[in-house]
C-alpha atoms as a PDB file:
ATOM      1  CA  UNK A   1      73.017  74.737  90.940  1.00  0.00           C
ATOM      2  CA  UNK A   2      73.119  77.628  88.379  1.00  0.00           C
ATOM      3  CA  UNK A   3      76.255  79.978  87.553  1.00  0.00           C
ATOM      4  CA  UNK A   4      76.711  82.844  90.165  1.00  0.00           C
ATOM      5  CA  UNK A   5      74.835  86.212  89.222  1.00  0.00           C
ATOM      6  CA  UNK A   6      77.331  88.516  87.168  1.00  0.00           C
ATOM      7  CA  UNK A   7      79.247  85.209  85.382  1.00  0.00           C
ATOM      8  CA  UNK A   8      78.384  85.292  81.470  1.00  0.00           C
ATOM      9  CA  UNK A   9      79.813  83.749  78.321  1.00  0.00           C
ATOM     10  CA  UNK A  10      81.576  86.219  75.950  1.00  0.00           C
ATOM     11  CA  UNK A  11      82.983  86.243  72.630  1.00  0.00           C
ATOM     12  CA  UNK A  12      86.778  87.218  71.985  1.00  0.00           C
ATOM     13  CA  UNK A  13      89.399  87.645  69.602  1.00  0.00           C
ATOM     14  CA  UNK A  14      92.850  87.243  70.027  1.00  0.00           C
ATOM     15  CA  UNK A  15      95.021  90.621  69.757  1.00  0.00           C
ATOM     16  CA  UNK A  16      98.589  88.927  70.053  1.00  0.00           C
ATOM     17  CA  UNK A  17      99.948  85.776  71.304  1.00  0.00           C
ATOM     18  CA  UNK A  18     103.638  85.495  72.233  1.00  0.00           C
ATOM     19  CA  UNK A  19     106.287  83.626  74.129  1.00  0.00           C
ATOM     20  CA  UNK A  20     107.688  85.961  76.658  1.00  0.00           C
ATOM     21  CA  UNK A  21     109.857  83.296  78.767  1.00  0.00           C
ATOM     22  CA  UNK A  22     110.698  79.777  78.674  1.00  0.00           C
ATOM     23  CA  UNK A  23     107.324  77.785  78.813  1.00  0.00           C
ATOM     24  CA  UNK A  24     105.696  81.233  79.476  1.00  0.00           C
ATOM     25  CA  UNK A  25     103.086  82.909  77.185  1.00  0.00           C
ATOM     26  CA  UNK A  26     101.549  86.640  76.877  1.00  0.00           C
ATOM     27  CA  UNK A  27      98.003  86.711  75.271  1.00  0.00           C
ATOM     28  CA  UNK A  28      95.977  89.713  74.534  1.00  0.00           C
ATOM     29  CA  UNK A  29      92.173  89.122  73.618  1.00  0.00           C
ATOM     30  CA  UNK A  30      89.845  91.563  72.508  1.00  0.00           C
ATOM     31  CA  UNK A  31      86.475  91.332  74.922  1.00  0.00           C
ATOM     32  CA  UNK A  32      85.084  94.805  75.527  1.00  0.00           C
ATOM     33  CA  UNK A  33      82.723  93.796  77.839  1.00  0.00           C
ATOM     34  CA  UNK A  34      84.105  91.305  80.006  1.00  0.00           C
ATOM     35  CA  UNK A  35      87.279  93.617  80.032  1.00  0.00           C
ATOM     36  CA  UNK A  36      85.113  96.388  81.444  1.00  0.00           C
ATOM     37  CA  UNK A  37      83.620  94.403  84.290  1.00  0.00           C
ATOM     38  CA  UNK A  38      86.777  92.447  85.619  1.00  0.00           C
ATOM     39  CA  UNK A  39      88.254  93.203  89.266  1.00  0.00           C
ATOM     40  CA  UNK A  40      92.128  92.596  89.740  1.00  0.00           C
ATOM     41  CA  UNK A  41      92.372  89.200  91.400  1.00  0.00           C
ATOM     42  CA  UNK A  42      89.191  87.740  89.893  1.00  0.00           C
ATOM     43  CA  UNK A  43      89.884  85.117  86.867  1.00  0.00           C
ATOM     44  CA  UNK A  44      88.307  83.950  83.672  1.00  0.00           C
ATOM     45  CA  UNK A  45      87.731  80.466  82.176  1.00  0.00           C
ATOM     46  CA  UNK A  46      88.608  80.413  78.707  1.00  0.00           C
ATOM     47  CA  UNK A  47      86.983  77.654  75.578  1.00  0.00           C
ATOM     48  CA  UNK A  48      90.570  76.581  73.811  1.00  0.00           C
ATOM     49  CA  UNK A  49      89.852  75.364  70.441  1.00  0.00           C
ATOM     50  CA  UNK A  50      91.541  72.191  68.855  1.00  0.00           C
ATOM     51  CA  UNK A  51      90.336  69.332  70.586  1.00  0.00           C
ATOM     52  CA  UNK A  52      86.328  68.443  70.927  1.00  0.00           C
ATOM     53  CA  UNK A  53      87.175  65.990  73.388  1.00  0.00           C
ATOM     54  CA  UNK A  54      88.234  68.202  75.896  1.00  0.00           C
ATOM     55  CA  UNK A  55      85.228  69.408  77.548  1.00  0.00           C
ATOM     56  CA  UNK A  56      86.443  71.567  80.043  1.00  0.00           C
ATOM     57  CA  UNK A  57      87.593  75.229  80.019  1.00  0.00           C
ATOM     58  CA  UNK A  58      91.283  76.796  81.222  1.00  0.00           C
ATOM     59  CA  UNK A  59      90.715  78.502  84.311  1.00  0.00           C
ATOM     60  CA  UNK A  60      93.199  81.927  83.840  1.00  0.00           C
ATOM     61  CA  UNK A  61      94.002  85.002  85.983  1.00  0.00           C
ATOM     62  CA  UNK A  62      95.261  88.318  84.155  1.00  0.00           C
ATOM     63  CA  UNK A  63      97.542  90.956  84.176  1.00  0.00           C
ATOM     64  CA  UNK A  64      95.611  93.639  83.214  1.00  0.00           C
ATOM     65  CA  UNK A  65      92.035  94.334  81.675  1.00  0.00           C
ATOM     66  CA  UNK A  66      91.970  97.807  79.847  1.00  0.00           C
ATOM     67  CA  UNK A  67      87.736  98.605  80.002  1.00  0.00           C
ATOM     68  CA  UNK A  68      88.452 101.594  77.478  1.00  0.00           C
ATOM     69  CA  UNK A  69      90.772  99.697  74.889  1.00  0.00           C
ATOM     70  CA  UNK A  70      88.310  96.280  75.505  1.00  0.00           C
ATOM     71  CA  UNK A  71      91.342  94.224  76.327  1.00  0.00           C
ATOM     72  CA  UNK A  72      92.627  91.852  78.417  1.00  0.00           C
ATOM     73  CA  UNK A  73      96.105  90.322  79.140  1.00  0.00           C
ATOM     74  CA  UNK A  74      96.767  87.077  80.322  1.00  0.00           C
ATOM     75  CA  UNK A  75     100.338  85.407  81.120  1.00  0.00           C
ATOM     76  CA  UNK A  76     100.366  81.627  81.154  1.00  0.00           C
ATOM     77  CA  UNK A  77     102.219  78.826  81.541  1.00  0.00           C
ATOM     78  CA  UNK A  78     102.410  75.806  79.216  1.00  0.00           C
ATOM     79  CA  UNK A  79     101.535  72.952  81.806  1.00  0.00           C
ATOM     80  CA  UNK A  80      99.074  70.623  79.865  1.00  0.00           C
ATOM     81  CA  UNK A  81      97.362  69.747  76.680  1.00  0.00           C
ATOM     82  CA  UNK A  82      94.768  72.686  76.948  1.00  0.00           C
ATOM     83  CA  UNK A  83      97.430  75.369  77.441  1.00  0.00           C
ATOM     84  CA  UNK A  84      99.595  73.675  74.661  1.00  0.00           C
ATOM     85  CA  UNK A  85      96.767  73.967  72.447  1.00  0.00           C
ATOM     86  CA  UNK A  86      96.396  77.993  73.776  1.00  0.00           C
ATOM     87  CA  UNK A  87      99.938  78.808  72.276  1.00  0.00           C
ATOM     88  CA  UNK A  88      98.765  77.967  69.091  1.00  0.00           C
ATOM     89  CA  UNK A  89      96.208  80.206  69.028  1.00  0.00           C
ATOM     90  CA  UNK A  90      96.789  83.194  66.252  1.00  0.00           C
ATOM     91  CA  UNK A  91      95.872  86.839  65.598  1.00  0.00           C
ATOM     92  CA  UNK A  92      91.865  87.219  64.783  1.00  0.00           C
ATOM     93  CA  UNK A  93      91.081  83.688  65.967  1.00  0.00           C
ATOM     94  CA  UNK A  94      87.886  83.866  67.977  1.00  0.00           C
ATOM     95  CA  UNK A  95      86.367  81.825  70.896  1.00  0.00           C
ATOM     96  CA  UNK A  96      84.681  82.059  74.114  1.00  0.00           C
ATOM     97  CA  UNK A  97      85.356  83.059  77.858  1.00  0.00           C
ATOM     98  CA  UNK A  98      83.137  82.896  80.848  1.00  0.00           C
ATOM     99  CA  UNK A  99      83.599  85.846  83.540  1.00  0.00           C
ATOM    100  CA  UNK A 100      84.327  87.577  85.384  1.00  0.00           C
ATOM    101  CA  UNK A 101      84.588  84.810  88.157  1.00  0.00           C
ATOM    102  CA  UNK A 102      84.955  84.881  91.793  1.00  0.00           C
ATOM    103  CA  UNK A 103      86.208  87.543  94.209  1.00  0.00           C
ATOM    104  CA  UNK A 104      89.452  89.256  93.875  1.00  0.00           C
ATOM    105  CA  UNK A 105      91.931  91.597  95.965  1.00  0.00           C
ATOM    106  CA  UNK A 106      90.796  93.661  98.432  1.00  0.00           C
ATOM    107  CA  UNK A 107      92.293  97.173  99.150  1.00  0.00           C
ATOM    108  CA  UNK A 108      94.192  97.198 102.529  1.00  0.00           C
ATOM    109  CA  UNK A 109      92.325  98.156 105.718  1.00  0.00           C
ATOM    110  CA  UNK A 110      94.704 101.020 106.120  1.00  0.00           C
ATOM    111  CA  UNK A 111      97.277 102.994 104.191  1.00  0.00           C
ATOM    112  CA  UNK A 112     100.918 101.878 104.181  1.00  0.00           C
ATOM    113  CA  UNK A 113     103.415 100.136 102.195  1.00  0.00           C
ATOM    114  CA  UNK A 114     102.267  96.636 100.438  1.00  0.00           C
ATOM    115  CA  UNK A 115     104.591  93.484 100.136  1.00  0.00           C
ATOM    116  CA  UNK A 116     103.524  91.228  97.022  1.00  0.00           C
ATOM    117  CA  UNK A 117     105.001  87.767  96.822  1.00  0.00           C
ATOM    118  CA  UNK A 118     104.769  85.829  93.585  1.00  0.00           C
ATOM    119  CA  UNK A 119     106.013  82.526  92.615  1.00  0.00           C
ATOM    120  CA  UNK A 120     105.860  80.873  89.061  1.00  0.00           C
ATOM    121  CA  UNK A 121     102.754  81.564  87.204  1.00  0.00           C
ATOM    122  CA  UNK A 122     101.282  83.063  89.857  1.00  0.00           C
ATOM    123  CA  UNK A 123     102.809  86.378  89.100  1.00  0.00           C
ATOM    124  CA  UNK A 124     100.120  87.130  86.701  1.00  0.00           C
ATOM    125  CA  UNK A 125      97.404  88.296  89.297  1.00  0.00           C
ATOM    126  CA  UNK A 126     100.422  89.866  91.678  1.00  0.00           C
ATOM    127  CA  UNK A 127     101.198  92.119  88.377  1.00  0.00           C
ATOM    128  CA  UNK A 128      97.410  93.037  88.467  1.00  0.00           C
ATOM    129  CA  UNK A 129      97.667  94.126  91.739  1.00  0.00           C
ATOM    130  CA  UNK A 130     100.486  96.276  91.712  1.00  0.00           C
ATOM    131  CA  UNK A 131      99.056  97.784  88.782  1.00  0.00           C
ATOM    132  CA  UNK A 132      95.880  98.454  91.075  1.00  0.00           C
ATOM    133  CA  UNK A 133      98.051  99.455  94.187  1.00  0.00           C
ATOM    134  CA  UNK A 134      99.704 101.717  91.872  1.00  0.00           C
ATOM    135  CA  UNK A 135      96.533 103.332  90.551  1.00  0.00           C
ATOM    136  CA  UNK A 136      95.381 104.203  94.001  1.00  0.00           C
ATOM    137  CA  UNK A 137      98.574 105.853  95.128  1.00  0.00           C
ATOM    138  CA  UNK A 138      99.805 102.805  97.171  1.00  0.00           C
ATOM    139  CA  UNK A 139     103.931 102.064  97.472  1.00  0.00           C
ATOM    140  CA  UNK A 140     104.673  98.169  97.472  1.00  0.00           C
ATOM    141  CA  UNK A 141     107.759  95.879  97.374  1.00  0.00           C
ATOM    142  CA  UNK A 142     107.654  92.760  95.260  1.00  0.00           C
ATOM    143  CA  UNK A 143     109.395  89.368  95.535  1.00  0.00           C
ATOM    144  CA  UNK A 144     109.171  87.590  92.273  1.00  0.00           C
ATOM    145  CA  UNK A 145     110.551  83.876  92.310  1.00  0.00           C
ATOM    146  CA  UNK A 146     111.115  81.158  89.484  1.00  0.00           C
ATOM    147  CA  UNK A 147     113.079  77.913  89.021  1.00  0.00           C
ATOM    148  CA  UNK A 148     115.760  79.424  86.867  1.00  0.00           C
ATOM    149  CA  UNK A 149     116.210  83.113  85.247  1.00  0.00           C
ATOM    150  CA  UNK A 150     114.343  81.846  81.711  1.00  0.00           C
ATOM    151  CA  UNK A 151     111.128  81.161  83.674  1.00  0.00           C
ATOM    152  CA  UNK A 152     111.215  84.888  85.091  1.00  0.00           C
ATOM    153  CA  UNK A 153     108.398  87.270  83.849  1.00  0.00           C
ATOM    154  CA  UNK A 154     107.008  90.301  85.633  1.00  0.00           C
ATOM    155  CA  UNK A 155     109.870  91.877  87.147  1.00  0.00           C
ATOM    156  CA  UNK A 156     110.001  94.814  84.495  1.00  0.00           C
ATOM    157  CA  UNK A 157     105.935  95.278  84.640  1.00  0.00           C
ATOM    158  CA  UNK A 158     106.485  96.121  88.313  1.00  0.00           C
ATOM    159  CA  UNK A 159     109.352  97.836  88.420  1.00  0.00           C
ATOM    160  CA  UNK A 160     108.068 100.220  85.619  1.00  0.00           C
ATOM    161  CA  UNK A 161     105.209 101.145  88.259  1.00  0.00           C
ATOM    162  CA  UNK A 162     107.949 102.881  90.202  1.00  0.00           C
ATOM    163  CA  UNK A 163     106.467 102.139  93.698  1.00  0.00           C
ATOM    164  CA  UNK A 164     109.113 100.313  95.391  1.00  0.00           C
ATOM    165  CA  UNK A 165     111.693  97.661  95.214  1.00  0.00           C
ATOM    166  CA  UNK A 166     111.451  94.427  93.122  1.00  0.00           C
ATOM    167  CA  UNK A 167     113.561  91.447  94.469  1.00  0.00           C
ATOM    168  CA  UNK A 168     114.211  88.255  92.611  1.00  0.00           C
ATOM    169  CA  UNK A 169     114.583  84.517  93.508  1.00  0.00           C
ATOM    170  CA  UNK A 170     115.282  81.435  91.689  1.00  0.00           C
ATOM    171  CA  UNK A 171     116.028  77.742  92.938  1.00  0.00           C
ATOM    172  CA  UNK A 172     119.225  77.372  91.112  1.00  0.00           C
ATOM    173  CA  UNK A 173     120.636  80.788  91.766  1.00  0.00           C
ATOM    174  CA  UNK A 174     120.946  82.018  87.882  1.00  0.00           C
ATOM    175  CA  UNK A 175     119.390  85.068  88.796  1.00  0.00           C
ATOM    176  CA  UNK A 176     118.701  87.308  91.881  1.00  0.00           C
ATOM    177  CA  UNK A 177     118.993  85.337  95.319  1.00  0.00           C
ATOM    178  CA  UNK A 178     119.591  81.505  95.336  1.00  0.00           C
ATOM    179  CA  UNK A 179     116.546  80.206  97.301  1.00  0.00           C
ATOM    180  CA  UNK A 180     113.008  80.867  97.883  1.00  0.00           C
ATOM    181  CA  UNK A 181     110.473  83.677  97.872  1.00  0.00           C
ATOM    182  CA  UNK A 182     110.019  83.214 101.635  1.00  0.00           C
ATOM    183  CA  UNK A 183     114.221  84.099 102.109  1.00  0.00           C
ATOM    184  CA  UNK A 184     113.479  87.369 100.312  1.00  0.00           C
ATOM    185  CA  UNK A 185     110.268  87.844 102.120  1.00  0.00           C
ATOM    186  CA  UNK A 186     111.870  87.431 105.635  1.00  0.00           C
ATOM    187  CA  UNK A 187     114.547  89.861 104.833  1.00  0.00           C
ATOM    188  CA  UNK A 188     112.035  92.551 103.704  1.00  0.00           C
ATOM    189  CA  UNK A 189     109.882  91.959 106.906  1.00  0.00           C
ATOM    190  CA  UNK A 190     112.869  92.863 108.988  1.00  0.00           C
ATOM    191  CA  UNK A 191     113.782  95.925 106.948  1.00  0.00           C
ATOM    192  CA  UNK A 192     110.193  97.480 106.287  1.00  0.00           C
ATOM    193  CA  UNK A 193     106.708  97.970 108.154  1.00  0.00           C
ATOM    194  CA  UNK A 194     104.000  96.771 106.014  1.00  0.00           C
ATOM    195  CA  UNK A 195     100.414  96.801 106.114  1.00  0.00           C
ATOM    196  CA  UNK A 196      99.447  94.237 103.783  1.00  0.00           C
ATOM    197  CA  UNK A 197     100.797  90.727 102.301  1.00  0.00           C
ATOM    198  CA  UNK A 198      99.363  89.848  98.779  1.00  0.00           C
ATOM    199  CA  UNK A 199     100.339  86.434  97.306  1.00  0.00           C
ATOM    200  CA  UNK A 200      99.908  84.124  94.488  1.00  0.00           C
ATOM    201  CA  UNK A 201     102.092  81.026  93.712  1.00  0.00           C
ATOM    202  CA  UNK A 202     102.307  77.210  94.438  1.00  0.00           C
ATOM    203  CA  UNK A 203     100.491  75.808  97.623  1.00  0.00           C
ATOM    204  CA  UNK A 204     103.529  75.443  99.537  1.00  0.00           C
ATOM    205  CA  UNK A 205     105.033  78.825  98.904  1.00  0.00           C
ATOM    206  CA  UNK A 206     101.785  80.461  99.897  1.00  0.00           C
ATOM    207  CA  UNK A 207     101.852  78.465 103.089  1.00  0.00           C
ATOM    208  CA  UNK A 208     105.300  79.292 104.127  1.00  0.00           C
ATOM    209  CA  UNK A 209     104.105  83.490 102.941  1.00  0.00           C
ATOM    210  CA  UNK A 210     100.988  83.182 105.161  1.00  0.00           C
ATOM    211  CA  UNK A 211     103.107  81.724 108.319  1.00  0.00           C
ATOM    212  CA  UNK A 212     105.401  84.628 108.095  1.00  0.00           C
ATOM    213  CA  UNK A 213     102.819  87.157 107.595  1.00  0.00           C
ATOM    214  CA  UNK A 214     100.847  85.862 110.792  1.00  0.00           C
ATOM    215  CA  UNK A 215     104.211  85.877 112.702  1.00  0.00           C
ATOM    216  CA  UNK A 216     104.769  89.600 111.490  1.00  0.00           C
ATOM    217  CA  UNK A 217     101.449  90.440 112.452  1.00  0.00           C
ATOM    218  CA  UNK A 218     100.595  91.434 108.996  1.00  0.00           C
ATOM    219  CA  UNK A 219      96.979  90.466 107.012  1.00  0.00           C
ATOM    220  CA  UNK A 220      97.936  88.087 103.891  1.00  0.00           C
ATOM    221  CA  UNK A 221      95.692  87.600 100.888  1.00  0.00           C
ATOM    222  CA  UNK A 222      95.902  84.387  99.163  1.00  0.00           C
ATOM    223  CA  UNK A 223      95.199  83.863  95.632  1.00  0.00           C
ATOM    224  CA  UNK A 224      94.481  80.001  95.639  1.00  0.00           C
ATOM    225  CA  UNK A 225      95.303  78.048  92.641  1.00  0.00           C
ATOM    226  CA  UNK A 226      92.912  75.042  92.143  1.00  0.00           C
ATOM    227  CA  UNK A 227      91.586  73.228  89.450  1.00  0.00           C
ATOM    228  CA  UNK A 228      88.376  75.063  88.795  1.00  0.00           C
ATOM    229  CA  UNK A 229      86.591  72.940  86.281  1.00  0.00           C
ATOM    230  CA  UNK A 230      83.545  75.220  85.699  1.00  0.00           C
ATOM    231  CA  UNK A 231      84.435  78.709  87.451  1.00  0.00           C
ATOM    232  CA  UNK A 232      80.925  79.011  89.078  1.00  0.00           C
ATOM    233  CA  UNK A 233      80.538  76.597  92.055  1.00  0.00           C
ATOM    234  CA  UNK A 234      78.695  74.125  90.220  1.00  0.00           C
ATOM    235  CA  UNK A 235      81.396  71.107  89.866  1.00  0.00           C
ATOM    236  CA  UNK A 236      82.844  71.074  93.224  1.00  0.00           C
ATOM    237  CA  UNK A 237      86.226  70.218  92.441  1.00  0.00           C
ATOM    238  CA  UNK A 238      87.902  73.224  94.070  1.00  0.00           C
ATOM    239  CA  UNK A 239      87.568  72.852  97.420  1.00  0.00           C
ATOM    240  CA  UNK A 240      89.515  75.034 100.134  1.00  0.00           C
ATOM    241  CA  UNK A 241      89.636  73.554 103.675  1.00  0.00           C
ATOM    242  CA  UNK A 242      89.287  76.001 105.964  1.00  0.00           C
ATOM    243  CA  UNK A 243      90.834  76.330 109.451  1.00  0.00           C
ATOM    244  CA  UNK A 244      87.925  76.702 111.287  1.00  0.00           C
ATOM    245  CA  UNK A 245      86.222  73.376 109.734  1.00  0.00           C
ATOM    246  CA  UNK A 246      84.700  72.819 106.789  1.00  0.00           C
ATOM    247  CA  UNK A 247      85.372  73.837 102.924  1.00  0.00           C
ATOM    248  CA  UNK A 248      84.867  76.901 100.859  1.00  0.00           C
ATOM    249  CA  UNK A 249      84.482  76.797  97.014  1.00  0.00           C
ATOM    250  CA  UNK A 250      88.052  78.629  95.253  1.00  0.00           C
ATOM    251  CA  UNK A 251      86.175  79.900  92.300  1.00  0.00           C
ATOM    252  CA  UNK A 252      83.121  81.162  93.864  1.00  0.00           C
ATOM    253  CA  UNK A 253      84.151  81.928  97.403  1.00  0.00           C
ATOM    254  CA  UNK A 254      87.976  82.888  96.331  1.00  0.00           C
ATOM    255  CA  UNK A 255      90.116  82.675  94.736  1.00  0.00           C
ATOM    256  CA  UNK A 256      91.359  85.410  97.119  1.00  0.00           C
ATOM    257  CA  UNK A 257      91.135  84.442 100.706  1.00  0.00           C
ATOM    258  CA  UNK A 258      92.625  85.739 103.773  1.00  0.00           C
ATOM    259  CA  UNK A 259      95.367  83.325 104.557  1.00  0.00           C
ATOM    260  CA  UNK A 260      94.205  83.067 108.218  1.00  0.00           C
ATOM    261  CA  UNK A 261      91.131  81.143 107.042  1.00  0.00           C
ATOM    262  CA  UNK A 262      92.907  78.669 105.318  1.00  0.00           C
ATOM    263  CA  UNK A 263      93.787  75.005 106.408  1.00  0.00           C
ATOM    264  CA  UNK A 264      97.425  75.045 104.661  1.00  0.00           C
END
């Protein structure tokens, strides 16, 4: 199998890399050709230097891609050796990245208010969705959840867009509503009419979001998280079970899927 048309390897240079929350970092890279090609909701595969035994790249969603400046903004959590090594990358250090990978967010089929729901580091592509929607004139409300207040990111970024309410939830009640994102989502669904839901986060959370959206009769897009080893459909490690049977490739057919297609 050959790479999907349009996926290429690009060199990049680190512009900045800083801690923005507990175990959460924000990296900005300069990769002009890739930045101009990326669409919200797509992802890239980054080669992280420092361990020659680690052959796989790291799949990352992005919070913004500025085609004019040539920069891409990643917000990532430290969850393993590769992302820990990524935190050590410094300004002007170089490497390479594969992209643009997959299919991203789709514009809602009708005009109206959108509901964004993010859990954990799933907030990264949700922030990208919010910026994209605001640029097209959509209003939206958002729910951002994390285990605890120190791990929250994206609240200010979404509020600064000025398109609606941004609610917070934490498992321990240290910020916002104590509970799950679905608790806050349920309240918002009762208070407002939405034309679309867009969500990313842990699979169990997205299953709950998809269920609430379906019960409310609102279309729902889910950005799925899988181990996407190659990023273009060659390794078959990121299969997504479908409700009507069979499997799709998360990296090639997604990562954004209609929630009604997925066998949760």
